[in-house]
Amino acid sequence: MCIGLPMKIVEPPSGLSLQALCEGRGERRQVNLYLVGSQEPGTWVLVFSDHARRVLDDEEAGQIMLALDGLEAALSGETDFDRFFPDLPSRLPSPEGRGQR
């Protein structure tokens, strides 16, 4: 299974290369930006296998990080997940959306 990680660009690409130094979740790595183009430092990107797939805003990056924290908590045996998904109570399913995928 491949999980996308939100990472923030620390050093932008230089020259013709579209490799940027990014950091997130306690690690730093070189990330390929070919799919999202050159981005400025401080920009969040969603990274799969060292390739940025799309640009994220601060709110979405935070939500993804909380969800990943929730996954780690579940793997550690925790059962209270409300703090990891604060947006879910306001997003109750609508009758129109039932049964759709």
PDB file of N, CA and C in Angstrom:
ATOM      1  N   MET A   1       0.850  -1.172   0.000  1.00  0.00           N
ATOM      2  CA  MET A   1       0.000   0.000   0.000  1.00  0.00           C
ATOM      3  C   MET A   1       0.899   1.239   0.000  1.00  0.00           C
ATOM      4  N   CYS A   2       0.506   2.206  -0.762  1.00  0.00           N
ATOM      5  CA  CYS A   2       1.256   3.451  -0.863  1.00  0.00           C
ATOM      6  C   CYS A   2       0.443   4.565  -0.201  1.00  0.00           C
ATOM      7  N   ILE A   3       1.055   5.267   0.730  1.00  0.00           N
ATOM      8  CA  ILE A   3       0.385   6.366   1.425  1.00  0.00           C
ATOM      9  C   ILE A   3       1.121   7.656   1.099  1.00  0.00           C
ATOM     10  N   GLY A   4       0.364   8.664   0.687  1.00  0.00           N
ATOM     11  CA  GLY A   4       0.956   9.961   0.400  1.00  0.00           C
ATOM     12  C   GLY A   4       1.287  10.702   1.682  1.00  0.00           C
ATOM     13  N   LEU A   5       2.428  11.335   1.702  1.00  0.00           N
ATOM     14  CA  LEU A   5       2.862  12.109   2.859  1.00  0.00           C
ATOM     15  C   LEU A   5       2.922  13.590   2.508  1.00  0.00           C
ATOM     16  N   PRO A   6       2.349  14.439   3.345  1.00  0.00           N
ATOM     17  CA  PRO A   6       2.523  15.871   3.125  1.00  0.00           C
ATOM     18  C   PRO A   6       3.947  16.270   3.505  1.00  0.00           C
ATOM     19  N   MET A   7       4.606  16.951   2.613  1.00  0.00           N
ATOM     20  CA  MET A   7       5.964  17.427   2.879  1.00  0.00           C
ATOM     21  C   MET A   7       6.062  18.877   2.432  1.00  0.00           C
ATOM     22  N   LYS A   8       6.854  19.634   3.173  1.00  0.00           N
ATOM     23  CA  LYS A   8       7.042  21.053   2.872  1.00  0.00           C
ATOM     24  C   LYS A   8       8.376  21.242   2.169  1.00  0.00           C
ATOM     25  N   ILE A   9       8.358  22.036   1.116  1.00  0.00           N
ATOM     26  CA  ILE A   9       9.585  22.315   0.379  1.00  0.00           C
ATOM     27  C   ILE A   9      10.489  23.219   1.221  1.00  0.00           C
ATOM     28  N   VAL A  10      11.719  22.749   1.421  1.00  0.00           N
ATOM     29  CA  VAL A  10      12.702  23.493   2.205  1.00  0.00           C
ATOM     30  C   VAL A  10      13.650  24.248   1.277  1.00  0.00           C
ATOM     31  N   GLU A  11      14.131  23.560   0.257  1.00  0.00           N
ATOM     32  CA  GLU A  11      15.012  24.180  -0.740  1.00  0.00           C
ATOM     33  C   GLU A  11      14.427  23.894  -2.114  1.00  0.00           C
ATOM     34  N   PRO A  12      14.180  24.951  -2.895  1.00  0.00           N
ATOM     35  CA  PRO A  12      13.591  24.744  -4.222  1.00  0.00           C
ATOM     36  C   PRO A  12      14.588  24.118  -5.184  1.00  0.00           C
ATOM     37  N   PRO A  13      14.094  23.664  -6.322  1.00  0.00           N
ATOM     38  CA  PRO A  13      15.000  23.111  -7.335  1.00  0.00           C
ATOM     39  C   PRO A  13      15.990  24.166  -7.813  1.00  0.00           C
ATOM     40  N   SER A  14      17.152  23.703  -8.241  1.00  0.00           N
ATOM     41  CA  SER A  14      18.132  24.638  -8.811  1.00  0.00           C
ATOM     42  C   SER A  14      18.494  24.173 -10.217  1.00  0.00           C
ATOM     43  N   GLY A  15      18.759  25.116 -11.065  1.00  0.00           N
ATOM     44  CA  GLY A  15      19.107  24.795 -12.439  1.00  0.00           C
ATOM     45  C   GLY A  15      17.940  24.156 -13.168  1.00  0.00           C
ATOM     46  N   LEU A  16      18.237  23.181 -14.010  1.00  0.00           N
ATOM     47  CA  LEU A  16      17.203  22.517 -14.797  1.00  0.00           C
ATOM     48  C   LEU A  16      16.526  21.385 -14.039  1.00  0.00           C
ATOM     49  N   SER A  17      17.102  20.997 -12.933  1.00  0.00           N
ATOM     50  CA  SER A  17      16.550  19.896 -12.154  1.00  0.00           C
ATOM     51  C   SER A  17      15.251  20.320 -11.469  1.00  0.00           C
ATOM     52  N   LEU A  18      14.308  19.420 -11.378  1.00  0.00           N
ATOM     53  CA  LEU A  18      13.088  19.676 -10.614  1.00  0.00           C
ATOM     54  C   LEU A  18      13.073  18.812  -9.357  1.00  0.00           C
ATOM     55  N   GLN A  19      14.246  18.684  -8.726  1.00  0.00           N
ATOM     56  CA  GLN A  19      14.388  17.980  -7.456  1.00  0.00           C
ATOM     57  C   GLN A  19      14.482  19.025  -6.358  1.00  0.00           C
ATOM     58  N   ALA A  20      13.601  18.915  -5.359  1.00  0.00           N
ATOM     59  CA  ALA A  20      13.610  19.863  -4.253  1.00  0.00           C
ATOM     60  C   ALA A  20      13.820  19.110  -2.946  1.00  0.00           C
ATOM     61  N   LEU A  21      14.482  19.753  -1.998  1.00  0.00           N
ATOM     62  CA  LEU A  21      14.626  19.180  -0.670  1.00  0.00           C
ATOM     63  C   LEU A  21      13.342  19.475   0.099  1.00  0.00           C
ATOM     64  N   CYS A  22      12.721  18.426   0.611  1.00  0.00           N
ATOM     65  CA  CYS A  22      11.462  18.570   1.345  1.00  0.00           C
ATOM     66  C   CYS A  22      11.589  17.922   2.712  1.00  0.00           C
ATOM     67  N   GLU A  23      10.733  18.360   3.646  1.00  0.00           N
ATOM     68  CA  GLU A  23      10.715  17.727   4.959  1.00  0.00           C
ATOM     69  C   GLU A  23       9.286  17.534   5.417  1.00  0.00           C
ATOM     70  N   GLY A  24       9.111  16.469   6.189  1.00  0.00           N
ATOM     71  CA  GLY A  24       7.804  16.181   6.744  1.00  0.00           C
ATOM     72  C   GLY A  24       7.855  14.910   7.562  1.00  0.00           C
ATOM     73  N   ARG A  25       7.088  14.894   8.637  1.00  0.00           N
ATOM     74  CA  ARG A  25       6.986  13.738   9.521  1.00  0.00           C
ATOM     75  C   ARG A  25       8.361  13.251   9.987  1.00  0.00           C
ATOM     76  N   GLY A  26       9.235  14.214  10.288  1.00  0.00           N
ATOM     77  CA  GLY A  26      10.520  13.885  10.888  1.00  0.00           C
ATOM     78  C   GLY A  26      11.611  13.454   9.934  1.00  0.00           C
ATOM     79  N   GLU A  27      11.427  13.644   8.644  1.00  0.00           N
ATOM     80  CA  GLU A  27      12.475  13.265   7.710  1.00  0.00           C
ATOM     81  C   GLU A  27      12.628  14.315   6.613  1.00  0.00           C
ATOM     82  N   ARG A  28      13.802  14.298   5.997  1.00  0.00           N
ATOM     83  CA  ARG A  28      14.110  15.165   4.858  1.00  0.00           C
ATOM     84  C   ARG A  28      14.494  14.268   3.696  1.00  0.00           C
ATOM     85  N   ARG A  29      14.045  14.651   2.498  1.00  0.00           N
ATOM     86  CA  ARG A  29      14.440  13.887   1.310  1.00  0.00           C
ATOM     87  C   ARG A  29      14.291  14.715   0.052  1.00  0.00           C
ATOM     88  N   GLN A  30      14.966  14.269  -0.990  1.00  0.00           N
ATOM     89  CA  GLN A  30      14.843  14.888  -2.302  1.00  0.00           C
ATOM     90  C   GLN A  30      13.561  14.388  -2.948  1.00  0.00           C
ATOM     91  N   VAL A  31      12.762  15.326  -3.459  1.00  0.00           N
ATOM     92  CA  VAL A  31      11.476  14.991  -4.054  1.00  0.00           C
ATOM     93  C   VAL A  31      11.429  15.515  -5.481  1.00  0.00           C
ATOM     94  N   ASN A  32      10.954  14.690  -6.380  1.00  0.00           N
ATOM     95  CA  ASN A  32      10.799  15.034  -7.785  1.00  0.00           C
ATOM     96  C   ASN A  32       9.526  15.867  -7.953  1.00  0.00           C
ATOM     97  N   LEU A  33       9.644  17.048  -8.564  1.00  0.00           N
ATOM     98  CA  LEU A  33       8.513  17.961  -8.736  1.00  0.00           C
ATOM     99  C   LEU A  33       7.981  18.010 -10.174  1.00  0.00           C
ATOM    100  N   TYR A  34       8.336  17.053 -11.006  1.00  0.00           N
ATOM    101  CA  TYR A  34       7.939  17.098 -12.417  1.00  0.00           C
ATOM    102  C   TYR A  34       6.432  17.203 -12.614  1.00  0.00           C
ATOM    103  N   LEU A  35       5.630  16.591 -11.752  1.00  0.00           N
ATOM    104  CA  LEU A  35       4.175  16.622 -11.932  1.00  0.00           C
ATOM    105  C   LEU A  35       3.527  17.917 -11.441  1.00  0.00           C
ATOM    106  N   VAL A  36       4.213  18.650 -10.558  1.00  0.00           N
ATOM    107  CA  VAL A  36       3.619  19.875 -10.005  1.00  0.00           C
ATOM    108  C   VAL A  36       4.377  21.139 -10.420  1.00  0.00           C
ATOM    109  N   GLY A  37       5.520  20.966 -11.062  1.00  0.00           N
ATOM    110  CA  GLY A  37       6.311  22.114 -11.462  1.00  0.00           C
ATOM    111  C   GLY A  37       7.106  22.691 -10.300  1.00  0.00           C
ATOM    112  N   SER A  38       7.959  23.625 -10.610  1.00  0.00           N
ATOM    113  CA  SER A  38       8.787  24.261  -9.593  1.00  0.00           C
ATOM    114  C   SER A  38       7.901  24.992  -8.585  1.00  0.00           C
ATOM    115  N   GLN A  39       8.214  24.854  -7.307  1.00  0.00           N
ATOM    116  CA  GLN A  39       7.430  25.467  -6.230  1.00  0.00           C
ATOM    117  C   GLN A  39       8.378  26.207  -5.289  1.00  0.00           C
ATOM    118  N   GLU A  40       7.843  27.176  -4.597  1.00  0.00           N
ATOM    119  CA  GLU A  40       8.621  27.987  -3.668  1.00  0.00           C
ATOM    120  C   GLU A  40       8.798  27.273  -2.326  1.00  0.00           C
ATOM    121  N   PRO A  41       9.862  27.615  -1.568  1.00  0.00           N
ATOM    122  CA  PRO A  41      10.014  27.080  -0.216  1.00  0.00           C
ATOM    123  C   PRO A  41       8.784  27.425   0.623  1.00  0.00           C
ATOM    124  N   GLY A  42       8.396  26.489   1.469  1.00  0.00           N
ATOM    125  CA  GLY A  42       7.218  26.674   2.311  1.00  0.00           C
ATOM    126  C   GLY A  42       5.959  26.074   1.710  1.00  0.00           C
ATOM    127  N   THR A  43       6.006  25.666   0.450  1.00  0.00           N
ATOM    128  CA  THR A  43       4.853  25.061  -0.211  1.00  0.00           C
ATOM    129  C   THR A  43       4.724  23.604   0.221  1.00  0.00           C
ATOM    130  N   TRP A  44       3.493  23.194   0.551  1.00  0.00           N
ATOM    131  CA  TRP A  44       3.208  21.799   0.877  1.00  0.00           C
ATOM    132  C   TRP A  44       2.913  21.028  -0.406  1.00  0.00           C
ATOM    133  N   VAL A  45       3.461  19.806  -0.492  1.00  0.00           N
ATOM    134  CA  VAL A  45       3.158  18.905  -1.603  1.00  0.00           C
ATOM    135  C   VAL A  45       2.822  17.529  -1.030  1.00  0.00           C
ATOM    136  N   LEU A  46       1.983  16.794  -1.747  1.00  0.00           N
ATOM    137  CA  LEU A  46       1.643  15.427  -1.361  1.00  0.00           C
ATOM    138  C   LEU A  46       2.593  14.500  -2.102  1.00  0.00           C
ATOM    139  N   VAL A  47       3.396  13.733  -1.342  1.00  0.00           N
ATOM    140  CA  VAL A  47       4.491  12.947  -1.904  1.00  0.00           C
ATOM    141  C   VAL A  47       4.193  11.450  -1.823  1.00  0.00           C
ATOM    142  N   PHE A  48       4.327  10.781  -2.972  1.00  0.00           N
ATOM    143  CA  PHE A  48       4.242   9.327  -3.070  1.00  0.00           C
ATOM    144  C   PHE A  48       5.556   8.853  -3.684  1.00  0.00           C
ATOM    145  N   SER A  49       6.259   7.963  -3.007  1.00  0.00           N
ATOM    146  CA  SER A  49       7.496   7.384  -3.548  1.00  0.00           C
ATOM    147  C   SER A  49       8.439   8.453  -4.101  1.00  0.00           C
ATOM    148  N   ASP A  50       8.659   9.492  -3.304  1.00  0.00           N
ATOM    149  CA  ASP A  50       9.588  10.582  -3.647  1.00  0.00           C
ATOM    150  C   ASP A  50       9.179  11.407  -4.861  1.00  0.00           C
ATOM    151  N   HIS A  51       7.902  11.383  -5.231  1.00  0.00           N
ATOM    152  CA  HIS A  51       7.373  12.206  -6.317  1.00  0.00           C
ATOM    153  C   HIS A  51       6.195  13.023  -5.787  1.00  0.00           C
ATOM    154  N   ALA A  52       6.265  14.331  -5.956  1.00  0.00           N
ATOM    155  CA  ALA A  52       5.145  15.188  -5.558  1.00  0.00           C
ATOM    156  C   ALA A  52       4.014  14.995  -6.563  1.00  0.00           C
ATOM    157  N   ARG A  53       2.830  14.676  -6.070  1.00  0.00           N
ATOM    158  CA  ARG A  53       1.688  14.437  -6.966  1.00  0.00           C
ATOM    159  C   ARG A  53       0.799  15.657  -7.103  1.00  0.00           C
ATOM    160  N   ARG A  54       0.719  16.467  -6.026  1.00  0.00           N
ATOM    161  CA  ARG A  54      -0.067  17.700  -6.107  1.00  0.00           C
ATOM    162  C   ARG A  54       0.323  18.639  -4.995  1.00  0.00           C
ATOM    163  N   VAL A  55      -0.025  19.912  -5.175  1.00  0.00           N
ATOM    164  CA  VAL A  55       0.240  20.950  -4.183  1.00  0.00           C
ATOM    165  C   VAL A  55      -0.917  20.953  -3.188  1.00  0.00           C
ATOM    166  N   LEU A  56      -0.589  21.131  -1.899  1.00  0.00           N
ATOM    167  CA  LEU A  56      -1.595  21.180  -0.828  1.00  0.00           C
ATOM    168  C   LEU A  56      -1.601  22.564  -0.193  1.00  0.00           C
ATOM    169  N   ASP A  57      -2.768  22.973   0.333  1.00  0.00           N
ATOM    170  CA  ASP A  57      -2.776  24.176   1.163  1.00  0.00           C
ATOM    171  C   ASP A  57      -2.497  23.751   2.608  1.00  0.00           C
ATOM    172  N   ASP A  58      -2.270  24.719   3.487  1.00  0.00           N
ATOM    173  CA  ASP A  58      -1.917  24.418   4.879  1.00  0.00           C
ATOM    174  C   ASP A  58      -2.984  23.581   5.577  1.00  0.00           C
ATOM    175  N   GLU A  59      -4.258  23.901   5.327  1.00  0.00           N
ATOM    176  CA  GLU A  59      -5.345  23.184   5.999  1.00  0.00           C
ATOM    177  C   GLU A  59      -5.381  21.711   5.592  1.00  0.00           C
ATOM    178  N   GLU A  60      -5.293  21.451   4.301  1.00  0.00           N
ATOM    179  CA  GLU A  60      -5.352  20.062   3.840  1.00  0.00           C
ATOM    180  C   GLU A  60      -4.122  19.272   4.314  1.00  0.00           C
ATOM    181  N   ALA A  61      -2.959  19.897   4.297  1.00  0.00           N
ATOM    182  CA  ALA A  61      -1.756  19.223   4.795  1.00  0.00           C
ATOM    183  C   ALA A  61      -1.938  18.854   6.269  1.00  0.00           C
ATOM    184  N   GLY A  62      -2.506  19.764   7.053  1.00  0.00           N
ATOM    185  CA  GLY A  62      -2.759  19.485   8.466  1.00  0.00           C
ATOM    186  C   GLY A  62      -3.742  18.348   8.672  1.00  0.00           C
ATOM    187  N   GLN A  63      -4.805  18.309   7.867  1.00  0.00           N
ATOM    188  CA  GLN A  63      -5.784  17.225   7.975  1.00  0.00           C
ATOM    189  C   GLN A  63      -5.158  15.874   7.641  1.00  0.00           C
ATOM    190  N   ILE A  64      -4.334  15.829   6.626  1.00  0.00           N
ATOM    191  CA  ILE A  64      -3.681  14.573   6.257  1.00  0.00           C
ATOM    192  C   ILE A  64      -2.727  14.132   7.355  1.00  0.00           C
ATOM    193  N   MET A  65      -1.981  15.074   7.931  1.00  0.00           N
ATOM    194  CA  MET A  65      -1.062  14.715   9.013  1.00  0.00           C
ATOM    195  C   MET A  65      -1.812  14.183  10.232  1.00  0.00           C
ATOM    196  N   LEU A  66      -2.957  14.802  10.563  1.00  0.00           N
ATOM    197  CA  LEU A  66      -3.768  14.287  11.668  1.00  0.00           C
ATOM    198  C   LEU A  66      -4.273  12.877  11.372  1.00  0.00           C
ATOM    199  N   ALA A  67      -4.698  12.627  10.142  1.00  0.00           N
ATOM    200  CA  ALA A  67      -5.168  11.292   9.771  1.00  0.00           C
ATOM    201  C   ALA A  67      -4.035  10.271   9.888  1.00  0.00           C
ATOM    202  N   LEU A  68      -2.829  10.642   9.490  1.00  0.00           N
ATOM    203  CA  LEU A  68      -1.690   9.741   9.628  1.00  0.00           C
ATOM    204  C   LEU A  68      -1.367   9.491  11.097  1.00  0.00           C
ATOM    205  N   ASP A  69      -1.504  10.534  11.934  1.00  0.00           N
ATOM    206  CA  ASP A  69      -1.340  10.353  13.376  1.00  0.00           C
ATOM    207  C   ASP A  69      -2.389   9.372  13.908  1.00  0.00           C
ATOM    208  N   GLY A  70      -3.615   9.465  13.385  1.00  0.00           N
ATOM    209  CA  GLY A  70      -4.677   8.544  13.784  1.00  0.00           C
ATOM    210  C   GLY A  70      -4.355   7.111  13.392  1.00  0.00           C
ATOM    211  N   LEU A  71      -3.783   6.916  12.222  1.00  0.00           N
ATOM    212  CA  LEU A  71      -3.376   5.590  11.787  1.00  0.00           C
ATOM    213  C   LEU A  71      -2.306   5.025  12.722  1.00  0.00           C
ATOM    214  N   GLU A  72      -1.319   5.843  13.062  1.00  0.00           N
ATOM    215  CA  GLU A  72      -0.285   5.404  14.008  1.00  0.00           C
ATOM    216  C   GLU A  72      -0.893   5.060  15.358  1.00  0.00           C
ATOM    217  N   ALA A  73      -1.869   5.851  15.817  1.00  0.00           N
ATOM    218  CA  ALA A  73      -2.526   5.577  17.094  1.00  0.00           C
ATOM    219  C   ALA A  73      -3.274   4.245  17.040  1.00  0.00           C
ATOM    220  N   ALA A  74      -3.958   3.986  15.931  1.00  0.00           N
ATOM    221  CA  ALA A  74      -4.685   2.718  15.779  1.00  0.00           C
ATOM    222  C   ALA A  74      -3.721   1.535  15.818  1.00  0.00           C
ATOM    223  N   LEU A  75      -2.585   1.686  15.162  1.00  0.00           N
ATOM    224  CA  LEU A  75      -1.595   0.607  15.161  1.00  0.00           C
ATOM    225  C   LEU A  75      -0.988   0.392  16.539  1.00  0.00           C
ATOM    226  N   SER A  76      -1.068   1.414  17.397  1.00  0.00           N
ATOM    227  CA  SER A  76      -0.565   1.313  18.774  1.00  0.00           C
ATOM    228  C   SER A  76      -1.635   0.834  19.744  1.00  0.00           C
ATOM    229  N   GLY A  77      -2.845   0.595  19.231  1.00  0.00           N
ATOM    230  CA  GLY A  77      -3.911   0.070  20.083  1.00  0.00           C
ATOM    231  C   GLY A  77      -4.883   1.099  20.622  1.00  0.00           C
ATOM    232  N   GLU A  78      -4.723   2.357  20.278  1.00  0.00           N
ATOM    233  CA  GLU A  78      -5.674   3.367  20.748  1.00  0.00           C
ATOM    234  C   GLU A  78      -7.028   3.170  20.075  1.00  0.00           C
ATOM    235  N   THR A  79      -8.089   3.622  20.762  1.00  0.00           N
ATOM    236  CA  THR A  79      -9.441   3.469  20.200  1.00  0.00           C
ATOM    237  C   THR A  79     -10.218   4.775  20.125  1.00  0.00           C
ATOM    238  N   ASP A  80      -9.688   5.858  20.678  1.00  0.00           N
ATOM    239  CA  ASP A  80     -10.373   7.150  20.616  1.00  0.00           C
ATOM    240  C   ASP A  80      -9.750   7.975  19.496  1.00  0.00           C
ATOM    241  N   PHE A  81     -10.510   8.158  18.418  1.00  0.00           N
ATOM    242  CA  PHE A  81      -9.961   8.811  17.237  1.00  0.00           C
ATOM    243  C   PHE A  81     -10.549  10.186  16.961  1.00  0.00           C
ATOM    244  N   ASP A  82     -11.431  10.685  17.810  1.00  0.00           N
ATOM    245  CA  ASP A  82     -12.087  11.967  17.560  1.00  0.00           C
ATOM    246  C   ASP A  82     -11.087  13.103  17.359  1.00  0.00           C
ATOM    247  N   ARG A  83     -10.008  13.111  18.108  1.00  0.00           N
ATOM    248  CA  ARG A  83      -9.041  14.221  17.991  1.00  0.00           C
ATOM    249  C   ARG A  83      -8.292  14.211  16.665  1.00  0.00           C
ATOM    250  N   PHE A  84      -8.247  13.065  16.000  1.00  0.00           N
ATOM    251  CA  PHE A  84      -7.534  12.965  14.726  1.00  0.00           C
ATOM    252  C   PHE A  84      -8.393  13.372  13.529  1.00  0.00           C
ATOM    253  N   PHE A  85      -9.701  13.372  13.714  1.00  0.00           N
ATOM    254  CA  PHE A  85     -10.614  13.669  12.610  1.00  0.00           C
ATOM    255  C   PHE A  85     -11.665  14.698  13.049  1.00  0.00           C
ATOM    256  N   PRO A  86     -11.228  15.914  13.430  1.00  0.00           N
ATOM    257  CA  PRO A  86     -12.167  16.908  13.961  1.00  0.00           C
ATOM    258  C   PRO A  86     -13.199  17.383  12.947  1.00  0.00           C
ATOM    259  N   ASP A  87     -12.945  17.190  11.659  1.00  0.00           N
ATOM    260  CA  ASP A  87     -13.876  17.661  10.634  1.00  0.00           C
ATOM    261  C   ASP A  87     -15.004  16.671  10.364  1.00  0.00           C
ATOM    262  N   LEU A  88     -14.918  15.436  10.831  1.00  0.00           N
ATOM    263  CA  LEU A  88     -15.926  14.436  10.492  1.00  0.00           C
ATOM    264  C   LEU A  88     -17.320  14.705  11.065  1.00  0.00           C
ATOM    265  N   PRO A  89     -17.476  15.171  12.302  1.00  0.00           N
ATOM    266  CA  PRO A  89     -18.850  15.407  12.793  1.00  0.00           C
ATOM    267  C   PRO A  89     -19.635  16.396  11.940  1.00  0.00           C
ATOM    268  N   SER A  90     -18.962  17.343  11.315  1.00  0.00           N
ATOM    269  CA  SER A  90     -19.662  18.328  10.483  1.00  0.00           C
ATOM    270  C   SER A  90     -19.896  17.805   9.069  1.00  0.00           C
ATOM    271  N   ARG A  91     -19.429  16.602   8.777  1.00  0.00           N
ATOM    272  CA  ARG A  91     -19.553  16.052   7.431  1.00  0.00           C
ATOM    273  C   ARG A  91     -20.395  14.777   7.438  1.00  0.00           C
ATOM    274  N   LEU A  92     -21.545  14.821   8.087  1.00  0.00           N
ATOM    275  CA  LEU A  92     -22.416  13.655   8.105  1.00  0.00           C
ATOM    276  C   LEU A  92     -22.911  13.365   6.697  1.00  0.00           C
ATOM    277  N   PRO A  93     -23.093  12.083   6.357  1.00  0.00           N
ATOM    278  CA  PRO A  93     -23.549  11.754   5.002  1.00  0.00           C
ATOM    279  C   PRO A  93     -24.940  12.294   4.738  1.00  0.00           C
ATOM    280  N   SER A  94     -25.153  12.721   3.510  1.00  0.00           N
ATOM    281  CA  SER A  94     -26.464  13.218   3.116  1.00  0.00           C
ATOM    282  C   SER A  94     -27.264  12.059   2.505  1.00  0.00           C
ATOM    283  N   PRO A  95     -28.593  12.121   2.558  1.00  0.00           N
ATOM    284  CA  PRO A  95     -29.410  11.045   1.966  1.00  0.00           C
ATOM    285  C   PRO A  95     -29.098  10.840   0.482  1.00  0.00           C
ATOM    286  N   GLU A  96     -28.749  11.912  -0.229  1.00  0.00           N
ATOM    287  CA  GLU A  96     -28.451  11.798  -1.648  1.00  0.00           C
ATOM    288  C   GLU A  96     -27.167  11.017  -1.905  1.00  0.00           C
ATOM    289  N   GLY A  97     -26.241  11.075  -0.948  1.00  0.00           N
ATOM    290  CA  GLY A  97     -24.948  10.452  -1.143  1.00  0.00           C
ATOM    291  C   GLY A  97     -24.905   8.981  -0.787  1.00  0.00           C
ATOM    292  N   ARG A  98     -25.931   8.426  -0.176  1.00  0.00           N
ATOM    293  CA  ARG A  98     -25.929   7.028   0.225  1.00  0.00           C
ATOM    294  C   ARG A  98     -25.872   6.109  -0.991  1.00  0.00           C
ATOM    295  N   GLY A  99     -25.036   5.103  -0.869  1.00  0.00           N
ATOM    296  CA  GLY A  99     -24.962   4.108  -1.924  1.00  0.00           C
ATOM    297  C   GLY A  99     -24.111   4.510  -3.105  1.00  0.00           C
ATOM    298  N   GLN A 100     -23.588   5.722  -3.108  1.00  0.00           N
ATOM    299  CA  GLN A 100     -22.743   6.159  -4.231  1.00  0.00           C
ATOM    300  C   GLN A 100     -21.283   5.957  -3.878  1.00  0.00           C
ATOM    301  N   ARG A 101     -20.495   5.665  -4.861  1.00  0.00           N
ATOM    302  CA  ARG A 101     -19.055   5.506  -4.650  1.00  0.00           C
ATOM    303  C   ARG A 101     -18.298   6.474  -5.491  1.00  0.00           C
TER     304      ARG A 101
END
